[in-house]
Amino acid sequence: MEKYLTEKGNEVAALPDLFTWTEDGVRLISAKCNSCGTYFFPAYHAQHRPGCSRDGVEEVLLSKKGKLASYTVQYYMPPPPFKTEKDITPYPIGLVEFPEGIQVVGIMVGCELEKLCAGLEVETTTFTLYRNEEGKDVVTWAYRVLEN
């Protein structure tokens, strides 16, 4: 696994092998099979196409931006091991399609529920889950709608 940032400023990744910070923002850590062209997320969860030789899998960062393919609104707290300091309900969950052709689910932040619709352009960001013993914000990846 390539060396990626697991913390930035006062934020620390809850799951360090799933996303990282780059110069242009938060990016999901994926993998691509150079034989069949399939992208995987998480990077270690390889799901090759039938008949693939499975040669040449490499880690890649997904694009920062994608399109909201679908979404739902949850009215209950996520079960463990998900951990937050407060009740976040209701909260939207978005299925985002990246230019690489892979779709990844994540929490949507900073959006009005009634304005969500498929096709919106979104970018990957972070969502604070809780503060750890060192006073750092423990975060996961999330998506925010870009202004049109």
Protein backbone atom coordinates (compact mmCIF):
# COMPACT_ATOMS: atom_id res chain seq x y z
CA MET A 1 0.00 0.00 0.00
CA GLU A 2 1.29 3.41 -0.97
CA LYS A 3 1.83 5.86 1.90
CA TYR A 4 -1.19 8.15 2.27
CA LEU A 5 -1.98 10.85 4.82
CA THR A 6 -3.98 9.48 7.75
CA GLU A 7 -4.42 12.85 9.40
CA LYS A 8 -4.43 16.49 8.43
CA GLY A 9 -4.48 19.38 10.85
CA ASN A 10 -6.88 18.50 13.65
CA GLU A 11 -8.52 15.64 11.68
CA VAL A 12 -7.57 11.97 11.86
CA ALA A 13 -9.04 9.25 9.63
CA ALA A 14 -11.31 6.76 11.40
CA LEU A 15 -10.44 4.22 8.67
CA PRO A 16 -7.03 5.20 7.28
CA ASP A 17 -6.96 2.74 4.37
CA LEU A 18 -10.17 4.09 2.77
CA PHE A 19 -9.42 7.77 2.09
CA THR A 20 -6.65 10.33 2.21
CA TRP A 21 -6.00 14.04 1.95
CA THR A 22 -4.25 15.38 -1.16
CA GLU A 23 -3.29 18.85 -2.33
CA ASP A 24 -6.67 19.17 -4.09
CA GLY A 25 -8.86 17.67 -1.35
CA VAL A 26 -10.12 14.39 0.06
CA ARG A 27 -9.86 11.32 -2.21
CA LEU A 28 -11.01 7.72 -1.83
CA ILE A 29 -8.31 5.04 -2.04
CA SER A 30 -9.31 2.55 -4.72
CA ALA A 31 -7.57 -0.09 -6.80
CA LYS A 32 -7.71 -0.83 -10.51
CA CYS A 33 -7.11 -4.10 -12.28
CA ASN A 34 -5.09 -3.36 -15.39
CA SER A 35 -6.24 -6.67 -16.96
CA CYS A 36 -10.02 -6.15 -16.82
CA GLY A 37 -10.22 -2.42 -16.04
CA THR A 38 -12.33 -2.93 -12.89
CA TYR A 39 -12.02 -0.47 -10.01
CA PHE A 40 -12.44 -1.71 -6.43
CA PHE A 41 -13.43 0.04 -3.23
CA PRO A 42 -12.07 -0.54 -0.73
CA ALA A 43 -8.80 -1.15 -2.55
CA TYR A 44 -8.32 -4.53 -0.87
CA HIS A 45 -11.76 -5.83 -1.94
CA ALA A 46 -10.99 -7.17 -5.41
CA GLN A 47 -14.02 -8.13 -7.51
CA HIS A 48 -12.65 -8.98 -10.96
CA ARG A 49 -14.73 -9.54 -14.07
CA PRO A 50 -15.26 -13.16 -15.13
CA GLY A 51 -12.29 -14.54 -17.08
CA CYS A 52 -9.89 -11.84 -15.84
CA SER A 53 -6.24 -12.89 -15.52
CA ARG A 54 -6.02 -10.71 -12.37
CA ASP A 55 -2.65 -9.31 -13.38
CA GLY A 56 -1.49 -5.81 -12.60
CA VAL A 57 -3.71 -4.55 -9.78
CA GLU A 58 -2.57 -1.13 -8.58
CA GLU A 59 -3.80 1.32 -5.97
CA VAL A 60 -5.25 4.53 -7.36
CA LEU A 61 -7.05 7.56 -5.99
CA LEU A 62 -10.56 8.13 -7.31
CA SER A 63 -11.47 11.52 -8.73
CA LYS A 64 -12.43 14.12 -6.17
CA LYS A 65 -15.77 14.80 -7.88
CA GLY A 66 -18.61 12.58 -9.04
CA LYS A 67 -22.35 12.56 -9.76
CA LEU A 68 -25.05 11.62 -7.28
CA ALA A 69 -26.53 8.46 -8.82
CA SER A 70 -29.08 7.81 -6.05
CA TYR A 71 -29.72 8.62 -2.40
CA THR A 72 -31.86 7.76 0.58
CA VAL A 73 -32.57 9.45 3.90
CA GLN A 74 -32.03 7.50 7.12
CA TYR A 75 -34.21 8.28 10.13
CA TYR A 76 -32.36 6.03 12.58
CA MET A 77 -28.83 6.00 13.94
CA PRO A 78 -26.37 3.68 12.21
CA PRO A 79 -25.56 0.55 14.20
CA PRO A 80 -22.15 -0.17 15.76
CA PRO A 81 -19.32 -0.06 14.98
CA PHE A 82 -20.40 3.38 13.64
CA LYS A 83 -19.76 5.88 16.43
CA THR A 84 -20.77 9.51 16.80
CA GLU A 85 -21.03 11.88 19.75
CA LYS A 86 -24.58 12.94 18.93
CA ASP A 87 -27.72 11.88 17.10
CA ILE A 88 -27.27 12.76 13.40
CA THR A 89 -30.75 11.75 12.21
CA PRO A 90 -32.15 12.35 9.69
CA TYR A 91 -29.16 12.13 7.39
CA PRO A 92 -28.84 11.44 3.66
CA ILE A 93 -26.74 8.61 2.25
CA GLY A 94 -25.60 9.13 -1.33
CA LEU A 95 -24.49 6.67 -3.99
CA VAL A 96 -21.89 8.58 -6.00
CA GLU A 97 -20.67 7.55 -9.42
CA PHE A 98 -17.11 8.57 -10.13
CA PRO A 99 -15.67 9.18 -13.62
CA GLU A 100 -13.75 5.91 -13.22
CA GLY A 101 -17.10 4.07 -13.42
CA ILE A 102 -17.29 2.93 -9.80
CA GLN A 103 -20.10 3.87 -7.39
CA VAL A 104 -19.39 4.39 -3.68
CA VAL A 105 -21.86 5.09 -0.86
CA GLY A 106 -21.26 7.78 1.77
CA ILE A 107 -22.93 10.24 4.09
CA MET A 108 -24.03 13.51 2.47
CA VAL A 109 -23.17 16.68 4.42
CA GLY A 110 -24.18 20.32 4.20
CA CYS A 111 -27.19 19.77 1.96
CA GLU A 112 -30.89 20.38 2.18
CA LEU A 113 -32.78 17.08 2.02
CA GLU A 114 -35.56 18.49 -0.17
CA LYS A 115 -33.06 19.70 -2.78
CA LEU A 116 -31.32 16.36 -3.31
CA CYS A 117 -31.79 14.72 -6.69
CA ALA A 118 -29.92 12.31 -8.90
CA GLY A 119 -27.40 13.95 -11.21
CA LEU A 120 -26.07 16.57 -8.79
CA GLU A 121 -22.32 17.10 -8.90
CA VAL A 122 -20.69 16.27 -5.56
CA GLU A 123 -17.18 16.20 -4.15
CA THR A 124 -15.57 14.03 -1.54
CA THR A 125 -15.02 15.63 1.85
CA THR A 126 -14.96 14.54 5.49
CA PHE A 127 -17.55 14.15 8.25
CA THR A 128 -16.62 14.41 11.92
CA LEU A 129 -17.71 11.38 13.92
CA TYR A 130 -16.33 12.28 17.35
CA ARG A 131 -13.34 13.79 19.16
CA ASN A 132 -10.67 11.39 20.43
CA GLU A 133 -8.66 11.46 23.68
CA GLU A 134 -6.00 13.69 22.06
CA GLY A 135 -8.65 16.26 21.11
CA LYS A 136 -8.55 15.45 17.38
CA ASP A 137 -11.64 15.11 15.21
CA VAL A 138 -12.03 11.50 14.06
CA VAL A 139 -13.49 11.69 10.55
CA THR A 140 -14.81 9.52 7.75
CA TRP A 141 -15.33 10.33 4.09
CA ALA A 142 -18.52 12.06 3.02
CA TYR A 143 -19.93 13.93 0.03
CA ARG A 144 -21.10 17.51 -0.36
CA VAL A 145 -23.13 18.97 -3.20
CA LEU A 146 -21.27 21.49 -5.32
CA GLU A 147 -22.93 24.79 -6.13
CA ASN A 148 -24.22 25.07 -9.68
